[in-house]
Amino acid sequence: MNLINQEEVQFPGLGLTFDIDPVAFRIGNFEVYWYGILIAAALVLCIALALKQAKKYNFPDTLIYDTMLVTIPCAIIGARAYYVIFNWSIYKDNLKSIFDTRAGGLAVYGGIVLSLVGLLLMCKIRKIPFTSLADYCIVYLPLGQAIGRWGNFFNQEAFGTTTTAPWGMWSKSVQSYLSRFCPELVALSPVHPTFLYESIADLIIFVILLQVRKKSTRSFETTSAYFVLYGAVRFFIEGLRTDSLYIADTGIRASQALSLLLLLFGLFYIAYAHIKNFEKKPFPAKLYVVEESKSGKSDDDEDDDDGEETDGEADSEDEEESEEESEEETAEGKESEDKKPEDGEEAEDEEKSEDEDASEDGSDEKESKDKKAKD
């Protein structure tokens, strides 16, 4: 194993030491970084959870895949563009380096902003309620951020100023950075592990947003809650970092200013939404047609299988019934044949009795005539 990039990271106050390497493994000359692996893992986990909980919130699961197809490229482009814009002096003389993302330079806020813009355009084109889509999906964003922040640990970046706190972090990369860009700080002193602060805070935000989404009845309220919570956390943490991006020469930290705007907007919208009673908008029925057709098709297939299995049984039952009916008819025929001779005998007896009565009547008449002749 190649240990060229391996580095010792210390937490002196806690007595902890870690040997880390930003490169997870190599395939020939191609290096696969832990940062990329963590982001990919976060993405897979968020998608899996979104799909698992979609039915509970009546969210079209096919829309999750569409959302990912839009947000992934938007997040990468936006994160890179945000970083380049606020570091234009580095890239203006070498435009090709803008596309070299492996050299570092991604800003999470840029990815979030452009992803929301991309989703808004998609919803406008497809006539889908953007607020309902955002309220469902935004919950998983802080979870992905919490996992992705550990990539900063492996790269030894995005740390804060020096501190005497027992959880302070130190490494040679930290020392080198402070000596070069922060000469006013003591390079040998531990620094705030701001990546850890934000990772923990993001996990807490994720748990809170799960509850907000569950109980919220207002449109865009869950998304606004994310703006408030993450805005507050990032505003505080950004003030500790030593690698902040600034707005030109104003001395204003770009991400800190954006955090404050998101915080204020979120608070204002939540209050306004409750005053105006902005109810959540349902998704169009067409988004559920595909799912119903798929489920209906699978049900039909199952019914066909069941039908094939029961056809033989039904045929055998029909045959048994027909045999029983034929037996009953045969029995009835025999009974009718047995009854016929009996009926014939009764008829003959009746005819004999009638003949006897007739002969008796004839003899009586003859006797009466003979008497009259004598007289």
Protein backbone atom coordinates (compact mmCIF):
# COMPACT_ATOMS: atom_id res chain seq x y z
CA MET A 1 0.00 0.00 0.00
CA ASN A 2 1.28 3.45 -0.94
CA LEU A 3 1.57 5.65 2.16
CA ILE A 4 3.04 8.73 0.49
CA ASN A 5 0.07 10.95 1.46
CA GLN A 6 -0.45 9.47 4.91
CA GLU A 7 -0.49 12.02 7.70
CA GLU A 8 -0.73 12.00 11.48
CA VAL A 9 -3.63 13.96 12.93
CA GLN A 10 -3.57 14.69 16.64
CA PHE A 11 -6.13 15.73 19.22
CA PRO A 12 -3.65 16.57 22.02
CA GLY A 13 -6.24 17.45 24.65
CA LEU A 14 -7.96 14.08 24.19
CA GLY A 15 -4.77 12.06 23.74
CA LEU A 16 -5.95 10.80 20.34
CA THR A 17 -3.85 10.28 17.22
CA PHE A 18 -5.00 9.11 13.77
CA ASP A 19 -3.03 8.18 10.68
CA ILE A 20 -5.07 9.28 7.69
CA ASP A 21 -4.66 9.36 3.94
CA PRO A 22 -6.96 11.42 1.70
CA VAL A 23 -6.61 8.70 -0.95
CA ALA A 24 -8.69 5.61 -0.19
CA PHE A 25 -7.14 3.43 -2.91
CA ARG A 26 -5.47 3.61 -6.30
CA ILE A 27 -6.23 1.93 -9.61
CA GLY A 28 -2.99 2.27 -11.50
CA ASN A 29 -2.25 5.99 -11.51
CA PHE A 30 -5.86 6.89 -10.77
CA GLU A 31 -6.50 7.90 -7.17
CA VAL A 32 -9.87 7.50 -5.48
CA TYR A 33 -10.29 9.95 -2.61
CA TRP A 34 -12.20 9.43 0.59
CA TYR A 35 -14.00 12.70 -0.09
CA GLY A 36 -15.60 11.29 -3.23
CA ILE A 37 -16.45 7.99 -1.56
CA LEU A 38 -18.15 9.76 1.35
CA ILE A 39 -20.19 11.99 -0.95
CA ALA A 40 -21.27 8.98 -3.02
CA ALA A 41 -22.20 7.05 0.13
CA ALA A 42 -24.19 10.02 1.43
CA LEU A 43 -26.03 10.27 -1.88
CA VAL A 44 -26.95 6.58 -1.92
CA LEU A 45 -28.15 6.68 1.69
CA CYS A 46 -30.29 9.76 1.14
CA ILE A 47 -31.92 8.28 -1.97
CA ALA A 48 -32.60 5.00 -0.15
CA LEU A 49 -34.27 6.78 2.78
CA ALA A 50 -36.29 9.02 0.46
CA LEU A 51 -37.60 5.98 -1.42
CA LYS A 52 -38.38 4.12 1.79
CA GLN A 53 -40.43 6.97 3.24
CA ALA A 54 -42.12 8.07 -0.02
CA LYS A 55 -45.23 5.92 0.44
CA LYS A 56 -45.75 7.18 3.98
CA TYR A 57 -45.97 10.78 2.74
CA ASN A 58 -47.76 9.93 -0.54
CA PHE A 59 -44.76 11.19 -2.48
CA PRO A 60 -44.31 9.79 -6.04
CA ASP A 61 -41.15 7.69 -5.82
CA THR A 62 -40.43 8.19 -9.53
CA LEU A 63 -40.04 11.88 -8.76
CA ILE A 64 -37.11 11.08 -6.47
CA TYR A 65 -35.07 9.80 -9.40
CA ASP A 66 -36.00 12.85 -11.46
CA THR A 67 -34.92 15.08 -8.59
CA MET A 68 -31.54 13.37 -8.36
CA LEU A 69 -30.97 13.66 -12.11
CA VAL A 70 -31.43 17.42 -11.79
CA THR A 71 -29.73 18.12 -8.46
CA ILE A 72 -26.54 16.11 -8.90
CA PRO A 73 -25.16 18.03 -11.92
CA CYS A 74 -26.54 21.31 -10.56
CA ALA A 75 -24.85 20.72 -7.20
CA ILE A 76 -21.46 20.03 -8.77
CA ILE A 77 -21.63 22.98 -11.16
CA GLY A 78 -23.02 25.33 -8.54
CA ALA A 79 -20.49 24.34 -5.87
CA ARG A 80 -17.61 24.87 -8.28
CA ALA A 81 -19.00 28.13 -9.70
CA TYR A 82 -19.51 29.59 -6.22
CA TYR A 83 -15.91 28.84 -5.28
CA VAL A 84 -14.49 30.17 -8.54
CA ILE A 85 -16.49 33.40 -8.40
CA PHE A 86 -15.18 34.31 -4.96
CA ASN A 87 -11.65 33.24 -5.90
CA TRP A 88 -11.60 34.76 -9.36
CA SER A 89 -8.11 36.19 -8.91
CA ILE A 90 -6.76 32.62 -8.80
CA TYR A 91 -8.51 31.45 -11.98
CA LYS A 92 -8.69 34.50 -14.23
CA ASP A 93 -5.25 33.87 -15.73
CA ASN A 94 -5.74 30.11 -16.10
CA LEU A 95 -9.32 29.36 -17.15
CA LYS A 96 -8.62 25.67 -17.73
CA SER A 97 -8.00 25.20 -14.03
CA ILE A 98 -11.66 26.04 -13.41
CA PHE A 99 -12.56 22.54 -14.57
CA ASP A 100 -9.92 20.82 -12.43
CA THR A 101 -12.15 19.93 -9.49
CA ARG A 102 -9.73 17.25 -8.30
CA ALA A 103 -7.45 20.05 -7.14
CA GLY A 104 -10.17 21.10 -4.70
CA GLY A 105 -12.51 24.06 -4.56
CA LEU A 106 -16.19 23.24 -3.96
CA ALA A 107 -18.59 25.33 -1.87
CA VAL A 108 -21.73 23.70 -0.47
CA TYR A 109 -23.83 26.84 -0.67
CA GLY A 110 -23.28 27.11 -4.40
CA GLY A 111 -24.48 23.55 -4.84
CA ILE A 112 -27.59 24.16 -2.72
CA VAL A 113 -28.55 27.37 -4.50
CA LEU A 114 -28.17 26.03 -8.06
CA SER A 115 -29.92 22.77 -7.14
CA LEU A 116 -32.95 24.70 -5.91
CA VAL A 117 -32.94 26.78 -9.09
CA GLY A 118 -32.74 23.62 -11.22
CA LEU A 119 -35.63 22.01 -9.34
CA LEU A 120 -37.69 25.17 -9.66
CA LEU A 121 -37.26 25.15 -13.44
CA MET A 122 -38.09 21.44 -13.62
CA CYS A 123 -41.26 21.97 -11.61
CA LYS A 124 -42.33 24.90 -13.77
CA ILE A 125 -41.87 22.87 -16.95
CA ARG A 126 -43.64 19.78 -15.64
CA LYS A 127 -46.25 21.74 -13.65
CA ILE A 128 -45.30 20.21 -10.32
CA PRO A 129 -45.65 22.13 -7.01
CA PHE A 130 -42.07 23.16 -6.20
CA THR A 131 -42.82 23.82 -2.54
CA SER A 132 -44.15 20.29 -1.97
CA LEU A 133 -41.17 18.75 -3.73
CA ALA A 134 -38.69 20.85 -1.73
CA ASP A 135 -40.42 20.14 1.59
CA TYR A 136 -40.06 16.40 1.11
CA CYS A 137 -36.51 16.28 -0.25
CA ILE A 138 -34.85 19.01 1.84
CA VAL A 139 -34.96 16.77 4.92
CA TYR A 140 -32.20 14.53 3.56
CA LEU A 141 -29.83 17.36 2.65
CA PRO A 142 -28.36 17.86 6.15
CA LEU A 143 -27.83 14.11 6.47
CA GLY A 144 -25.76 14.15 3.28
CA GLN A 145 -23.86 17.20 4.53
CA ALA A 146 -23.11 15.51 7.84
CA ILE A 147 -21.49 12.57 6.06
CA GLY A 148 -19.73 14.64 3.42
CA ARG A 149 -18.07 16.90 6.01
CA TRP A 150 -15.84 14.02 7.04
CA GLY A 151 -14.16 14.40 3.68
CA ASN A 152 -12.73 17.66 5.08
CA PHE A 153 -11.17 15.65 7.88
CA PHE A 154 -9.37 13.31 5.47
CA ASN A 155 -8.22 16.28 3.39
CA GLN A 156 -7.31 18.29 6.50
CA GLU A 157 -9.21 21.37 5.36
CA ALA A 158 -12.12 23.58 6.42
CA PHE A 159 -10.80 23.93 9.98
CA GLY A 160 -11.06 26.91 12.30
CA THR A 161 -8.79 29.22 14.19
CA THR A 162 -6.53 28.13 17.03
CA THR A 163 -8.12 27.03 20.28
CA THR A 164 -7.27 25.79 23.75
CA ALA A 165 -10.31 23.52 23.87
CA PRO A 166 -9.50 19.87 24.67
CA TRP A 167 -10.90 18.75 21.30
CA GLY A 168 -8.52 20.98 19.34
CA MET A 169 -6.95 19.34 16.24
CA TRP A 170 -3.40 19.59 14.90
CA SER A 171 -1.49 18.18 11.92
CA LYS A 172 1.40 19.20 9.68
CA SER A 173 -1.08 20.29 7.00
CA VAL A 174 -2.75 22.58 9.54
CA GLN A 175 0.60 23.97 10.62
CA SER A 176 1.65 24.59 7.00
CA TYR A 177 -1.61 26.35 6.16
CA LEU A 178 -1.52 28.61 9.22
CA SER A 179 2.11 29.55 8.58
CA ARG A 180 1.29 30.51 4.99
CA PHE A 181 -2.12 32.17 5.16
CA CYS A 182 -2.62 33.08 8.83
CA PRO A 183 0.71 34.41 10.09
CA GLU A 184 -1.06 36.14 13.00
CA LEU A 185 -1.92 32.72 14.48
CA VAL A 186 0.42 30.33 16.28
CA ALA A 187 0.93 27.55 13.73
CA LEU A 188 1.85 24.95 16.37
CA SER A 189 -1.42 25.40 18.25
CA PRO A 190 -4.44 23.11 17.77
CA VAL A 191 -7.39 24.47 15.78
CA HIS A 192 -11.17 24.14 15.92
CA PRO A 193 -12.31 21.00 14.04
CA THR A 194 -15.12 22.94 12.39
CA PHE A 195 -15.91 20.02 10.10
CA LEU A 196 -16.85 18.05 13.23
CA TYR A 197 -18.98 20.88 14.58
CA GLU A 198 -20.97 21.10 11.38
CA SER A 199 -21.29 17.32 11.01
CA ILE A 200 -22.84 17.00 14.48
CA ALA A 201 -25.07 20.03 13.92
CA ASP A 202 -26.26 18.67 10.56
CA LEU A 203 -27.28 15.37 12.15
CA ILE A 204 -29.32 17.27 14.74
CA ILE A 205 -30.94 19.35 11.98
CA PHE A 206 -31.81 16.14 10.11
CA VAL A 207 -33.62 14.73 13.15
CA ILE A 208 -35.47 18.02 13.72
CA LEU A 209 -36.56 18.29 10.09
CA LEU A 210 -37.99 14.76 10.20
CA GLN A 211 -40.35 15.94 12.93
CA VAL A 212 -41.11 19.23 11.21
CA ARG A 213 -42.04 17.49 7.96
CA LYS A 214 -44.22 15.02 9.85
CA LYS A 215 -46.25 17.69 11.65
CA SER A 216 -46.13 20.58 9.21
CA THR A 217 -49.30 21.59 7.34
CA ARG A 218 -47.91 24.73 5.70
CA SER A 219 -46.39 24.92 2.25
CA PHE A 220 -42.58 25.39 2.14
CA GLU A 221 -42.42 25.37 5.94
CA THR A 222 -40.00 22.42 6.18
CA THR A 223 -37.65 24.02 3.66
CA SER A 224 -37.80 27.31 5.53
CA ALA A 225 -37.00 25.47 8.76
CA TYR A 226 -33.85 24.14 7.08
CA PHE A 227 -32.89 27.70 6.06
CA VAL A 228 -33.30 28.86 9.65
CA LEU A 229 -31.46 25.99 11.31
CA TYR A 230 -28.60 25.57 8.86
CA GLY A 231 -28.29 29.32 8.43
CA ALA A 232 -27.79 29.78 12.16
CA VAL A 233 -25.28 26.92 12.42
CA ARG A 234 -23.28 27.97 9.38
CA PHE A 235 -23.23 31.64 10.43
CA PHE A 236 -21.56 30.66 13.70
CA ILE A 237 -19.15 28.10 12.23
CA GLU A 238 -18.17 30.31 9.29
CA GLY A 239 -16.97 32.91 11.78
CA LEU A 240 -14.43 30.39 13.12
CA ARG A 241 -13.02 29.17 9.80
CA THR A 242 -9.71 30.30 8.38
CA ASP A 243 -10.51 29.55 4.71
CA SER A 244 -13.65 31.63 4.25
CA LEU A 245 -14.54 33.16 0.89
CA TYR A 246 -14.96 36.94 0.97
CA ILE A 247 -17.10 39.33 -1.06
CA ALA A 248 -14.43 41.22 -3.03
CA ASP A 249 -12.40 43.41 -0.66
CA THR A 250 -15.23 44.13 1.77
CA GLY A 251 -14.03 41.80 4.50
CA ILE A 252 -17.52 40.25 4.54
CA ARG A 253 -17.57 36.47 4.50
CA ALA A 254 -19.77 35.35 1.60
CA SER A 255 -21.17 32.24 3.27
CA GLN A 256 -21.80 34.10 6.51
CA ALA A 257 -23.77 36.80 4.68
CA LEU A 258 -25.77 34.18 2.78
CA SER A 259 -26.45 32.29 6.02
CA LEU A 260 -27.88 35.42 7.59
CA LEU A 261 -30.12 36.04 4.56
CA LEU A 262 -31.42 32.46 4.64
CA LEU A 263 -32.03 32.68 8.38
CA LEU A 264 -34.04 35.89 8.08
CA PHE A 265 -35.95 34.69 5.03
CA GLY A 266 -36.87 31.40 6.74
CA LEU A 267 -38.19 33.14 9.86
CA PHE A 268 -40.17 35.64 7.82
CA TYR A 269 -41.70 33.00 5.55
CA ILE A 270 -42.73 30.67 8.40
CA ALA A 271 -44.54 33.53 10.15
CA TYR A 272 -46.13 34.74 6.92
CA ALA A 273 -47.21 31.22 5.90
CA HIS A 274 -49.06 30.78 9.20
CA ILE A 275 -50.73 34.17 8.90
CA LYS A 276 -51.87 33.54 5.32
CA ASN A 277 -52.47 29.83 5.93
CA PHE A 278 -50.46 28.57 2.95
CA GLU A 279 -51.62 24.98 2.65
CA LYS A 280 -49.54 22.28 1.01
CA LYS A 281 -50.24 21.67 -2.66
CA PRO A 282 -50.91 18.11 -3.86
CA PHE A 283 -48.99 16.52 -6.70
CA PRO A 284 -50.80 16.04 -10.02
CA ALA A 285 -52.51 12.69 -10.48
CA LYS A 286 -50.44 11.92 -13.58
CA LEU A 287 -47.39 11.27 -11.38
CA TYR A 288 -49.20 8.36 -9.76
CA VAL A 289 -50.48 6.80 -12.99
CA VAL A 290 -47.15 5.17 -13.77
CA GLU A 291 -46.90 3.65 -10.30
CA GLU A 292 -50.49 2.37 -10.42
CA SER A 293 -49.98 0.86 -13.88
CA LYS A 294 -46.85 -0.92 -12.69
CA SER A 295 -48.59 -2.27 -9.61
CA GLY A 296 -51.65 -3.21 -11.67
CA LYS A 297 -49.47 -5.06 -14.15
CA SER A 298 -47.80 -7.05 -11.43
CA ASP A 299 -51.18 -7.88 -9.92
CA ASP A 300 -52.44 -9.07 -13.30
CA ASP A 301 -49.40 -11.26 -13.72
CA GLU A 302 -50.05 -12.80 -10.33
CA ASP A 303 -53.71 -13.32 -11.21
CA ASP A 304 -52.72 -15.02 -14.47
CA ASP A 305 -50.41 -17.35 -12.61
CA ASP A 306 -53.13 -18.14 -10.10
CA GLY A 307 -55.60 -18.67 -12.96
CA GLU A 308 -53.32 -21.13 -14.69
CA GLU A 309 -52.93 -23.08 -11.48
CA THR A 310 -56.71 -23.21 -10.84
CA ASP A 311 -57.87 -23.95 -14.41
CA GLY A 312 -57.20 -27.68 -13.95
CA GLU A 313 -59.04 -27.70 -10.66
CA ALA A 314 -62.03 -25.88 -12.16
CA ASP A 315 -62.20 -28.32 -15.09
CA SER A 316 -62.10 -31.33 -12.79
CA GLU A 317 -64.86 -29.81 -10.65
CA ASP A 318 -67.02 -29.23 -13.75
CA GLU A 319 -66.50 -32.83 -14.85
CA GLU A 320 -67.50 -34.12 -11.42
CA GLU A 321 -70.63 -31.97 -11.46
CA SER A 322 -71.61 -33.20 -14.96
CA GLU A 323 -71.11 -36.80 -13.89
CA GLU A 324 -73.31 -36.27 -10.84
CA GLU A 325 -76.01 -34.67 -13.01
CA SER A 326 -75.95 -37.59 -15.50
CA GLU A 327 -76.24 -40.07 -12.65
CA GLU A 328 -79.22 -38.18 -11.27
CA GLU A 329 -80.88 -38.13 -14.70
CA THR A 330 -80.31 -41.89 -15.11
CA ALA A 331 -81.85 -42.57 -11.73
CA GLU A 332 -84.88 -40.42 -12.56
CA GLY A 333 -85.29 -42.28 -15.89
CA LYS A 334 -85.35 -45.62 -14.12
CA GLU A 335 -87.92 -44.41 -11.64
CA SER A 336 -90.16 -43.15 -14.47
CA GLU A 337 -89.88 -46.50 -16.29
CA ASP A 338 -90.81 -48.32 -13.09
CA LYS A 339 -93.87 -46.13 -12.71
CA LYS A 340 -95.18 -46.69 -16.30
CA PRO A 341 -96.37 -50.33 -15.94
CA GLU A 342 -98.09 -49.54 -12.68
CA ASP A 343 -99.97 -46.74 -14.39
CA GLY A 344 -100.95 -49.14 -17.23
CA GLU A 345 -102.38 -51.77 -14.85
CA GLU A 346 -104.46 -49.16 -13.08
CA ALA A 347 -105.88 -48.01 -16.44
CA GLU A 348 -106.82 -51.60 -17.43
CA ASP A 349 -108.62 -52.15 -14.13
CA GLU A 350 -110.62 -48.97 -14.64
CA GLU A 351 -111.63 -50.05 -18.18
CA LYS A 352 -112.76 -53.50 -16.93
CA SER A 353 -114.90 -51.95 -14.22
CA GLU A 354 -116.48 -49.62 -16.74
CA ASP A 355 -117.30 -52.54 -19.12
CA GLU A 356 -118.84 -54.51 -16.27
CA ASP A 357 -121.01 -51.53 -15.32
CA ALA A 358 -122.11 -51.12 -18.95
CA SER A 359 -123.06 -54.80 -19.31
CA GLU A 360 -125.03 -54.68 -16.07
CA ASP A 361 -126.93 -51.61 -17.31
CA GLY A 362 -127.70 -53.41 -20.59
CA SER A 363 -129.10 -56.47 -18.87
CA ASP A 364 -131.29 -54.34 -16.65
CA GLU A 365 -132.76 -52.55 -19.66
CA LYS A 366 -133.44 -55.86 -21.41
CA GLU A 367 -135.33 -57.22 -18.39
CA SER A 368 -137.46 -54.11 -18.20
CA LYS A 369 -138.45 -54.43 -21.90
CA ASP A 370 -139.41 -58.06 -21.43
CA LYS A 371 -141.71 -57.16 -18.55
CA LYS A 372 -143.47 -54.52 -20.66
CA ALA A 373 -144.02 -57.01 -23.46
CA LYS A 374 -145.66 -59.47 -21.09
CA ASP A 375 -147.93 -56.82 -19.73
